[in-house]
Amino acid sequence: MTVHFIGAGPGAADLITVRGLKLIRNAGLVLYAGSLVPEAIVAEAHKDARVVDSAALNLEEIIDEIQAADEKNLDVARVHSGDPSLYGATAEQMRRLDALGIEYDVTPGVMATSAAAAAMKTELTLPGISQTVVLTRTAVRSSDMPNKENLETLGKSGATLAIHLSVNNLAKVVRELEPHYGADCPVAVVYRVSWPDEEIVRGTLDNIRGKVKAAGFTRTALILVGRVLDESAFADSRLYAADHHHVLRPKA
């Protein structure tokens, strides 16, 4: 028996990995985050599998479900949105399974940041503009932020920022980033990326709050900040330059 932590991707059912889908189809128990994992993915479960929406369960109840499956020697598909490594609340589940001696593995998924960049046809790293992407969030009721990971500190780098779970803190985001990025810095807020009702609002730090308020986004939105979002005057990468040679493209 193994518990498979599976990243279902950002929303579109066909963005799950082949491996993840196979594990779901073969599991005896499918535990999934109902508000964020599309029904089409859960529908791939075997007809005899127990399928449980974990949205209403607390941590101990989730572990109880897994233990019951363990007693029956049933593999478990623990399906999370996006990728389990980022804001997945998987670490505490793994810690419980370690204590119980229950085997588990992890199957990665497509992150919302990657899906948002794809939807916008945007590269988040551009030569001479930004070569760093910071994935972060702001403090909310359920999770504080470490002192040195505030936006004022991270913003000093000038890197492209992907700010998760923070659309309701947009005023704070703007206030703390404007001194470092400038009021005219491009911003995109991507709502429910890859879902049928996906919506992208573009603006600048100076006007993005009004645009997002008009759009009515209050959850499930990713904030992207950085000059790469609206920068046409960047140098081509040296990777494909005619005078750039390497082991696979030696000098003539």
C-alpha atoms as a PDB file:
ATOM      1  CA  MET A   1       0.000   0.000   0.000  1.00  0.00           C
ATOM      2  CA  THR A   2       1.282   3.454  -0.916  1.00  0.00           C
ATOM      3  CA  VAL A   3      -0.105   6.955  -0.559  1.00  0.00           C
ATOM      4  CA  HIS A   4       0.499   8.914  -3.749  1.00  0.00           C
ATOM      5  CA  PHE A   5       0.545  12.692  -3.319  1.00  0.00           C
ATOM      6  CA  ILE A   6      -0.426  13.955  -6.762  1.00  0.00           C
ATOM      7  CA  GLY A   7      -0.322  17.445  -8.197  1.00  0.00           C
ATOM      8  CA  ALA A   8      -3.441  17.831 -10.335  1.00  0.00           C
ATOM      9  CA  GLY A   9      -2.206  21.026 -11.979  1.00  0.00           C
ATOM     10  CA  PRO A  10      -3.801  24.483 -11.974  1.00  0.00           C
ATOM     11  CA  GLY A  11      -7.281  23.580 -13.181  1.00  0.00           C
ATOM     12  CA  ALA A  12      -7.540  22.211 -16.694  1.00  0.00           C
ATOM     13  CA  ALA A  13      -8.102  18.468 -16.438  1.00  0.00           C
ATOM     14  CA  ASP A  14      -5.648  17.697 -19.251  1.00  0.00           C
ATOM     15  CA  LEU A  15      -2.767  19.424 -17.466  1.00  0.00           C
ATOM     16  CA  ILE A  16      -2.347  16.572 -14.993  1.00  0.00           C
ATOM     17  CA  THR A  17       0.649  14.331 -15.714  1.00  0.00           C
ATOM     18  CA  VAL A  18       0.217  10.922 -17.310  1.00  0.00           C
ATOM     19  CA  ARG A  19       1.698   9.383 -14.158  1.00  0.00           C
ATOM     20  CA  GLY A  20      -0.716  11.197 -11.875  1.00  0.00           C
ATOM     21  CA  LEU A  21      -3.741  10.148 -13.900  1.00  0.00           C
ATOM     22  CA  LYS A  22      -2.607   6.517 -13.927  1.00  0.00           C
ATOM     23  CA  LEU A  23      -2.219   6.523 -10.134  1.00  0.00           C
ATOM     24  CA  ILE A  24      -5.720   7.958  -9.685  1.00  0.00           C
ATOM     25  CA  ARG A  25      -7.205   5.294 -11.941  1.00  0.00           C
ATOM     26  CA  ASN A  26      -5.550   2.521  -9.927  1.00  0.00           C
ATOM     27  CA  ALA A  27      -6.211   3.831  -6.400  1.00  0.00           C
ATOM     28  CA  GLY A  28      -8.642   2.268  -3.952  1.00  0.00           C
ATOM     29  CA  LEU A  29      -9.121   5.605  -2.187  1.00  0.00           C
ATOM     30  CA  VAL A  30      -9.084   8.993  -3.870  1.00  0.00           C
ATOM     31  CA  LEU A  31      -8.830  11.953  -1.483  1.00  0.00           C
ATOM     32  CA  TYR A  32      -9.064  15.238  -3.346  1.00  0.00           C
ATOM     33  CA  ALA A  33      -9.361  18.970  -2.660  1.00  0.00           C
ATOM     34  CA  GLY A  34     -12.857  19.471  -4.045  1.00  0.00           C
ATOM     35  CA  SER A  35     -12.830  23.226  -4.512  1.00  0.00           C
ATOM     36  CA  LEU A  36      -9.638  23.195  -6.598  1.00  0.00           C
ATOM     37  CA  VAL A  37      -9.421  19.834  -8.369  1.00  0.00           C
ATOM     38  CA  PRO A  38     -11.675  19.522 -11.437  1.00  0.00           C
ATOM     39  CA  GLU A  39     -14.394  16.878 -11.422  1.00  0.00           C
ATOM     40  CA  ALA A  40     -13.094  15.462 -14.705  1.00  0.00           C
ATOM     41  CA  ILE A  41      -9.932  14.297 -12.950  1.00  0.00           C
ATOM     42  CA  VAL A  42     -11.804  12.682 -10.058  1.00  0.00           C
ATOM     43  CA  ALA A  43     -14.124  11.005 -12.580  1.00  0.00           C
ATOM     44  CA  GLU A  44     -11.125   8.937 -13.713  1.00  0.00           C
ATOM     45  CA  ALA A  45     -11.183   6.999 -10.421  1.00  0.00           C
ATOM     46  CA  HIS A  46     -12.025   3.306 -10.599  1.00  0.00           C
ATOM     47  CA  LYS A  47     -15.732   2.555 -10.251  1.00  0.00           C
ATOM     48  CA  ASP A  48     -15.065   0.611  -7.033  1.00  0.00           C
ATOM     49  CA  ALA A  49     -12.817   3.250  -5.461  1.00  0.00           C
ATOM     50  CA  ARG A  50     -13.847   5.282  -2.450  1.00  0.00           C
ATOM     51  CA  VAL A  51     -13.779   8.948  -3.503  1.00  0.00           C
ATOM     52  CA  VAL A  52     -13.706  11.577  -0.745  1.00  0.00           C
ATOM     53  CA  ASP A  53     -13.674  15.370  -0.984  1.00  0.00           C
ATOM     54  CA  SER A  54     -11.199  16.470   1.694  1.00  0.00           C
ATOM     55  CA  ALA A  55     -12.394  20.107   1.757  1.00  0.00           C
ATOM     56  CA  ALA A  56     -14.603  19.465   4.790  1.00  0.00           C
ATOM     57  CA  LEU A  57     -12.092  17.264   6.627  1.00  0.00           C
ATOM     58  CA  ASN A  58      -9.478  18.267   9.170  1.00  0.00           C
ATOM     59  CA  LEU A  59      -5.982  16.783   9.183  1.00  0.00           C
ATOM     60  CA  GLU A  60      -6.775  13.962  11.613  1.00  0.00           C
ATOM     61  CA  GLU A  61      -9.854  12.950   9.616  1.00  0.00           C
ATOM     62  CA  ILE A  62      -7.752  12.802   6.460  1.00  0.00           C
ATOM     63  CA  ILE A  63      -5.221  10.565   8.185  1.00  0.00           C
ATOM     64  CA  ASP A  64      -8.064   8.373   9.486  1.00  0.00           C
ATOM     65  CA  GLU A  65      -9.207   7.821   5.894  1.00  0.00           C
ATOM     66  CA  ILE A  66      -5.668   6.865   4.890  1.00  0.00           C
ATOM     67  CA  GLN A  67      -5.259   4.489   7.822  1.00  0.00           C
ATOM     68  CA  ALA A  68      -8.518   2.764   6.931  1.00  0.00           C
ATOM     69  CA  ALA A  69      -7.231   2.276   3.384  1.00  0.00           C
ATOM     70  CA  ASP A  70      -3.927   0.988   4.747  1.00  0.00           C
ATOM     71  CA  GLU A  71      -5.763  -1.658   6.774  1.00  0.00           C
ATOM     72  CA  LYS A  72      -7.413  -2.841   3.545  1.00  0.00           C
ATOM     73  CA  ASN A  73      -4.112  -2.641   1.593  1.00  0.00           C
ATOM     74  CA  LEU A  74      -5.583  -0.077  -0.808  1.00  0.00           C
ATOM     75  CA  ASP A  75      -3.390   2.457  -2.574  1.00  0.00           C
ATOM     76  CA  VAL A  76      -4.381   6.085  -1.943  1.00  0.00           C
ATOM     77  CA  ALA A  77      -4.377   8.946  -4.441  1.00  0.00           C
ATOM     78  CA  ARG A  78      -4.072  12.129  -2.376  1.00  0.00           C
ATOM     79  CA  VAL A  79      -4.857  14.716  -5.025  1.00  0.00           C
ATOM     80  CA  HIS A  80      -3.866  18.351  -4.505  1.00  0.00           C
ATOM     81  CA  SER A  81      -4.167  21.297  -6.864  1.00  0.00           C
ATOM     82  CA  GLY A  82      -1.112  22.709  -8.606  1.00  0.00           C
ATOM     83  CA  ASP A  83       2.122  21.129  -7.422  1.00  0.00           C
ATOM     84  CA  PRO A  84       2.363  19.502  -3.966  1.00  0.00           C
ATOM     85  CA  SER A  85       5.646  21.269  -3.208  1.00  0.00           C
ATOM     86  CA  LEU A  86       4.090  24.747  -3.104  1.00  0.00           C
ATOM     87  CA  TYR A  87       1.441  25.721  -0.531  1.00  0.00           C
ATOM     88  CA  GLY A  88       0.148  22.166  -0.662  1.00  0.00           C
ATOM     89  CA  ALA A  89      -0.180  21.473   3.084  1.00  0.00           C
ATOM     90  CA  THR A  90       1.405  18.111   2.328  1.00  0.00           C
ATOM     91  CA  ALA A  91       4.339  18.248   4.761  1.00  0.00           C
ATOM     92  CA  GLU A  92       2.183  17.736   7.843  1.00  0.00           C
ATOM     93  CA  GLN A  93       0.425  14.800   6.195  1.00  0.00           C
ATOM     94  CA  MET A  94       3.771  13.210   5.347  1.00  0.00           C
ATOM     95  CA  ARG A  95       4.949  13.708   8.917  1.00  0.00           C
ATOM     96  CA  ARG A  96       1.901  11.810  10.184  1.00  0.00           C
ATOM     97  CA  LEU A  97       2.510   9.016   7.670  1.00  0.00           C
ATOM     98  CA  ASP A  98       6.168   8.771   8.708  1.00  0.00           C
ATOM     99  CA  ALA A  99       5.055   8.273  12.314  1.00  0.00           C
ATOM    100  CA  LEU A 100       2.599   5.588  11.234  1.00  0.00           C
ATOM    101  CA  GLY A 101       5.097   3.809   8.992  1.00  0.00           C
ATOM    102  CA  ILE A 102       2.923   4.268   5.905  1.00  0.00           C
ATOM    103  CA  GLU A 103       4.752   4.508   2.573  1.00  0.00           C
ATOM    104  CA  TYR A 104       4.171   7.469   0.270  1.00  0.00           C
ATOM    105  CA  ASP A 105       5.559   9.148  -2.826  1.00  0.00           C
ATOM    106  CA  VAL A 106       5.011  12.417  -4.681  1.00  0.00           C
ATOM    107  CA  THR A 107       4.027  13.107  -8.288  1.00  0.00           C
ATOM    108  CA  PRO A 108       4.636  16.732  -9.331  1.00  0.00           C
ATOM    109  CA  GLY A 109       2.079  18.919 -11.060  1.00  0.00           C
ATOM    110  CA  VAL A 110       1.975  22.068 -13.170  1.00  0.00           C
ATOM    111  CA  MET A 111       2.227  25.181 -10.988  1.00  0.00           C
ATOM    112  CA  ALA A 112      -0.177  28.080 -11.396  1.00  0.00           C
ATOM    113  CA  THR A 113       2.826  30.311 -12.099  1.00  0.00           C
ATOM    114  CA  SER A 114       3.807  28.210 -15.114  1.00  0.00           C
ATOM    115  CA  ALA A 115       0.212  28.023 -16.330  1.00  0.00           C
ATOM    116  CA  ALA A 116      -0.213  31.788 -15.981  1.00  0.00           C
ATOM    117  CA  ALA A 117       2.931  32.496 -17.987  1.00  0.00           C
ATOM    118  CA  ALA A 118       1.699  30.104 -20.674  1.00  0.00           C
ATOM    119  CA  ALA A 119      -1.732  31.740 -20.785  1.00  0.00           C
ATOM    120  CA  MET A 120      -0.093  35.149 -21.185  1.00  0.00           C
ATOM    121  CA  LYS A 121       2.461  33.856 -23.721  1.00  0.00           C
ATOM    122  CA  THR A 122       5.093  35.408 -21.492  1.00  0.00           C
ATOM    123  CA  GLU A 123       8.588  34.380 -20.463  1.00  0.00           C
ATOM    124  CA  LEU A 124       9.179  35.263 -16.811  1.00  0.00           C
ATOM    125  CA  THR A 125      12.938  35.589 -17.281  1.00  0.00           C
ATOM    126  CA  LEU A 126      14.341  37.887 -19.980  1.00  0.00           C
ATOM    127  CA  PRO A 127      17.975  38.786 -20.690  1.00  0.00           C
ATOM    128  CA  GLY A 128      18.948  42.018 -18.991  1.00  0.00           C
ATOM    129  CA  ILE A 129      15.523  42.407 -17.361  1.00  0.00           C
ATOM    130  CA  SER A 130      15.119  39.601 -14.840  1.00  0.00           C
ATOM    131  CA  GLN A 131      16.739  36.208 -14.421  1.00  0.00           C
ATOM    132  CA  THR A 132      15.024  35.368 -11.160  1.00  0.00           C
ATOM    133  CA  VAL A 133      11.460  34.393 -10.293  1.00  0.00           C
ATOM    134  CA  VAL A 134      10.355  34.583  -6.659  1.00  0.00           C
ATOM    135  CA  LEU A 135       7.345  32.512  -5.641  1.00  0.00           C
ATOM    136  CA  THR A 136       5.838  33.953  -2.491  1.00  0.00           C
ATOM    137  CA  ARG A 137       2.653  35.010  -0.713  1.00  0.00           C
ATOM    138  CA  THR A 138       1.483  37.496   1.918  1.00  0.00           C
ATOM    139  CA  ALA A 139       0.347  36.795   5.456  1.00  0.00           C
ATOM    140  CA  VAL A 140      -3.245  35.704   5.944  1.00  0.00           C
ATOM    141  CA  ARG A 141      -5.224  34.444   8.916  1.00  0.00           C
ATOM    142  CA  SER A 142      -4.136  30.836   8.415  1.00  0.00           C
ATOM    143  CA  SER A 143      -0.442  31.489   7.715  1.00  0.00           C
ATOM    144  CA  ASP A 144       2.001  34.140   8.892  1.00  0.00           C
ATOM    145  CA  MET A 145       5.132  35.048   6.937  1.00  0.00           C
ATOM    146  CA  PRO A 146       8.681  34.790   8.313  1.00  0.00           C
ATOM    147  CA  ASN A 147      10.072  38.228   9.170  1.00  0.00           C
ATOM    148  CA  LYS A 148      12.671  38.298   6.392  1.00  0.00           C
ATOM    149  CA  GLU A 149      10.258  37.190   3.652  1.00  0.00           C
ATOM    150  CA  ASN A 150       8.134  40.325   3.448  1.00  0.00           C
ATOM    151  CA  LEU A 151       7.516  41.958   0.066  1.00  0.00           C
ATOM    152  CA  GLU A 152       9.629  44.988   0.949  1.00  0.00           C
ATOM    153  CA  THR A 153      12.653  42.716   1.343  1.00  0.00           C
ATOM    154  CA  LEU A 154      11.937  40.520  -1.672  1.00  0.00           C
ATOM    155  CA  GLY A 155      11.111  43.540  -3.828  1.00  0.00           C
ATOM    156  CA  LYS A 156      14.607  44.964  -3.428  1.00  0.00           C
ATOM    157  CA  SER A 157      15.859  42.296  -5.827  1.00  0.00           C
ATOM    158  CA  GLY A 158      13.782  43.578  -8.734  1.00  0.00           C
ATOM    159  CA  ALA A 159      13.039  39.960  -9.640  1.00  0.00           C
ATOM    160  CA  THR A 160       9.821  38.793 -11.244  1.00  0.00           C
ATOM    161  CA  LEU A 161       7.384  38.093  -8.407  1.00  0.00           C
ATOM    162  CA  ALA A 162       4.666  35.447  -8.459  1.00  0.00           C
ATOM    163  CA  ILE A 163       2.495  36.234  -5.446  1.00  0.00           C
ATOM    164  CA  HIS A 164       0.066  33.492  -4.499  1.00  0.00           C
ATOM    165  CA  LEU A 165      -3.008  33.556  -2.260  1.00  0.00           C
ATOM    166  CA  SER A 166      -2.885  37.335  -1.922  1.00  0.00           C
ATOM    167  CA  VAL A 167      -5.480  38.974  -4.143  1.00  0.00           C
ATOM    168  CA  ASN A 168      -7.338  40.171  -1.033  1.00  0.00           C
ATOM    169  CA  ASN A 169      -4.086  41.809   0.107  1.00  0.00           C
ATOM    170  CA  LEU A 170      -3.558  43.672  -3.157  1.00  0.00           C
ATOM    171  CA  ALA A 171      -3.409  47.071  -1.446  1.00  0.00           C
ATOM    172  CA  LYS A 172      -0.535  45.814   0.706  1.00  0.00           C
ATOM    173  CA  VAL A 173       1.201  44.325  -2.329  1.00  0.00           C
ATOM    174  CA  VAL A 174       1.044  47.641  -4.184  1.00  0.00           C
ATOM    175  CA  ARG A 175       2.107  49.704  -1.175  1.00  0.00           C
ATOM    176  CA  GLU A 176       5.173  47.581  -0.452  1.00  0.00           C
ATOM    177  CA  LEU A 177       6.350  47.093  -4.037  1.00  0.00           C
ATOM    178  CA  GLU A 178       5.897  50.558  -5.551  1.00  0.00           C
ATOM    179  CA  PRO A 179       9.066  51.989  -3.929  1.00  0.00           C
ATOM    180  CA  HIS A 180      11.152  49.239  -5.562  1.00  0.00           C
ATOM    181  CA  TYR A 181       9.433  48.616  -8.902  1.00  0.00           C
ATOM    182  CA  GLY A 182       7.890  52.017  -9.637  1.00  0.00           C
ATOM    183  CA  ALA A 183       4.227  52.896 -10.058  1.00  0.00           C
ATOM    184  CA  ASP A 184       4.436  52.119 -13.781  1.00  0.00           C
ATOM    185  CA  CYS A 185       5.677  48.556 -13.272  1.00  0.00           C
ATOM    186  CA  PRO A 186       3.515  46.032 -15.157  1.00  0.00           C
ATOM    187  CA  VAL A 187       1.266  43.737 -13.132  1.00  0.00           C
ATOM    188  CA  ALA A 188      -0.993  40.880 -14.170  1.00  0.00           C
ATOM    189  CA  VAL A 189      -3.615  39.243 -11.996  1.00  0.00           C
ATOM    190  CA  VAL A 190      -4.626  35.846 -13.358  1.00  0.00           C
ATOM    191  CA  TYR A 191      -7.918  34.450 -12.079  1.00  0.00           C
ATOM    192  CA  ARG A 192      -8.528  30.657 -12.129  1.00  0.00           C
ATOM    193  CA  VAL A 193      -5.804  30.030 -14.657  1.00  0.00           C
ATOM    194  CA  SER A 194      -6.576  27.233 -17.166  1.00  0.00           C
ATOM    195  CA  TRP A 195     -10.171  26.839 -15.898  1.00  0.00           C
ATOM    196  CA  PRO A 196     -13.006  27.596 -18.363  1.00  0.00           C
ATOM    197  CA  ASP A 197     -13.656  30.925 -16.601  1.00  0.00           C
ATOM    198  CA  GLU A 198     -10.003  32.019 -16.624  1.00  0.00           C
ATOM    199  CA  GLU A 199      -9.561  35.765 -16.753  1.00  0.00           C
ATOM    200  CA  ILE A 200      -6.446  37.937 -16.952  1.00  0.00           C
ATOM    201  CA  VAL A 201      -6.353  41.559 -15.825  1.00  0.00           C
ATOM    202  CA  ARG A 202      -3.291  43.587 -16.781  1.00  0.00           C
ATOM    203  CA  GLY A 203      -2.228  46.942 -15.460  1.00  0.00           C
ATOM    204  CA  THR A 204       0.479  48.645 -13.439  1.00  0.00           C
ATOM    205  CA  LEU A 205       1.114  48.971  -9.738  1.00  0.00           C
ATOM    206  CA  ASP A 206      -0.541  52.368 -10.030  1.00  0.00           C
ATOM    207  CA  ASN A 207      -3.888  51.158 -11.392  1.00  0.00           C
ATOM    208  CA  ILE A 208      -4.178  47.412 -10.830  1.00  0.00           C
ATOM    209  CA  ARG A 209      -6.283  47.681  -7.674  1.00  0.00           C
ATOM    210  CA  GLY A 210      -9.134  49.423  -9.434  1.00  0.00           C
ATOM    211  CA  LYS A 211      -9.065  46.980 -12.317  1.00  0.00           C
ATOM    212  CA  VAL A 212      -9.130  43.936 -10.051  1.00  0.00           C
ATOM    213  CA  LYS A 213     -11.935  45.406  -7.963  1.00  0.00           C
ATOM    214  CA  ALA A 214     -13.968  45.983 -11.119  1.00  0.00           C
ATOM    215  CA  ALA A 215     -13.330  42.391 -12.191  1.00  0.00           C
ATOM    216  CA  GLY A 216     -14.514  41.119  -8.803  1.00  0.00           C
ATOM    217  CA  PHE A 217     -11.587  38.790  -8.056  1.00  0.00           C
ATOM    218  CA  THR A 218     -11.588  37.747  -4.391  1.00  0.00           C
ATOM    219  CA  ARG A 219      -9.858  34.345  -4.462  1.00  0.00           C
ATOM    220  CA  THR A 220      -8.027  31.838  -6.675  1.00  0.00           C
ATOM    221  CA  ALA A 221      -5.954  34.509  -8.386  1.00  0.00           C
ATOM    222  CA  LEU A 222      -2.202  34.810  -8.918  1.00  0.00           C
ATOM    223  CA  ILE A 223      -0.439  38.185  -8.936  1.00  0.00           C
ATOM    224  CA  LEU A 224       2.560  38.583 -11.254  1.00  0.00           C
ATOM    225  CA  VAL A 225       4.777  41.666 -10.914  1.00  0.00           C
ATOM    226  CA  GLY A 226       7.808  42.592 -12.982  1.00  0.00           C
ATOM    227  CA  ARG A 227       9.197  44.416 -16.003  1.00  0.00           C
ATOM    228  CA  VAL A 228       9.239  41.164 -17.991  1.00  0.00           C
ATOM    229  CA  LEU A 229       5.448  41.420 -18.333  1.00  0.00           C
ATOM    230  CA  ASP A 230       5.638  44.366 -20.719  1.00  0.00           C
ATOM    231  CA  GLU A 231       9.153  44.619 -22.032  1.00  0.00           C
ATOM    232  CA  SER A 232       9.912  44.524 -25.746  1.00  0.00           C
ATOM    233  CA  ALA A 233      13.347  46.175 -25.601  1.00  0.00           C
ATOM    234  CA  PHE A 234      15.325  43.227 -24.315  1.00  0.00           C
ATOM    235  CA  ALA A 235      18.377  41.588 -25.847  1.00  0.00           C
ATOM    236  CA  ASP A 236      18.090  38.185 -27.506  1.00  0.00           C
ATOM    237  CA  SER A 237      19.394  35.303 -25.463  1.00  0.00           C
ATOM    238  CA  ARG A 238      22.943  34.268 -26.383  1.00  0.00           C
ATOM    239  CA  LEU A 239      21.824  30.640 -26.459  1.00  0.00           C
ATOM    240  CA  TYR A 240      20.926  30.671 -30.162  1.00  0.00           C
ATOM    241  CA  ALA A 241      23.251  33.423 -31.336  1.00  0.00           C
ATOM    242  CA  ALA A 242      25.156  32.494 -34.516  1.00  0.00           C
ATOM    243  CA  ASP A 243      28.518  33.278 -32.889  1.00  0.00           C
ATOM    244  CA  HIS A 244      27.752  31.350 -29.691  1.00  0.00           C
ATOM    245  CA  HIS A 245      29.320  27.909 -29.771  1.00  0.00           C
ATOM    246  CA  HIS A 246      29.123  24.941 -27.440  1.00  0.00           C
ATOM    247  CA  VAL A 247      29.642  21.176 -27.432  1.00  0.00           C
ATOM    248  CA  LEU A 248      26.466  20.511 -29.457  1.00  0.00           C
ATOM    249  CA  ARG A 249      27.081  23.390 -31.890  1.00  0.00           C
ATOM    250  CA  PRO A 250      30.853  23.619 -32.325  1.00  0.00           C
ATOM    251  CA  LYS A 251      32.543  26.480 -34.089  1.00  0.00           C
ATOM    252  CA  ALA A 252      32.707  25.870 -37.816  1.00  0.00           C
END
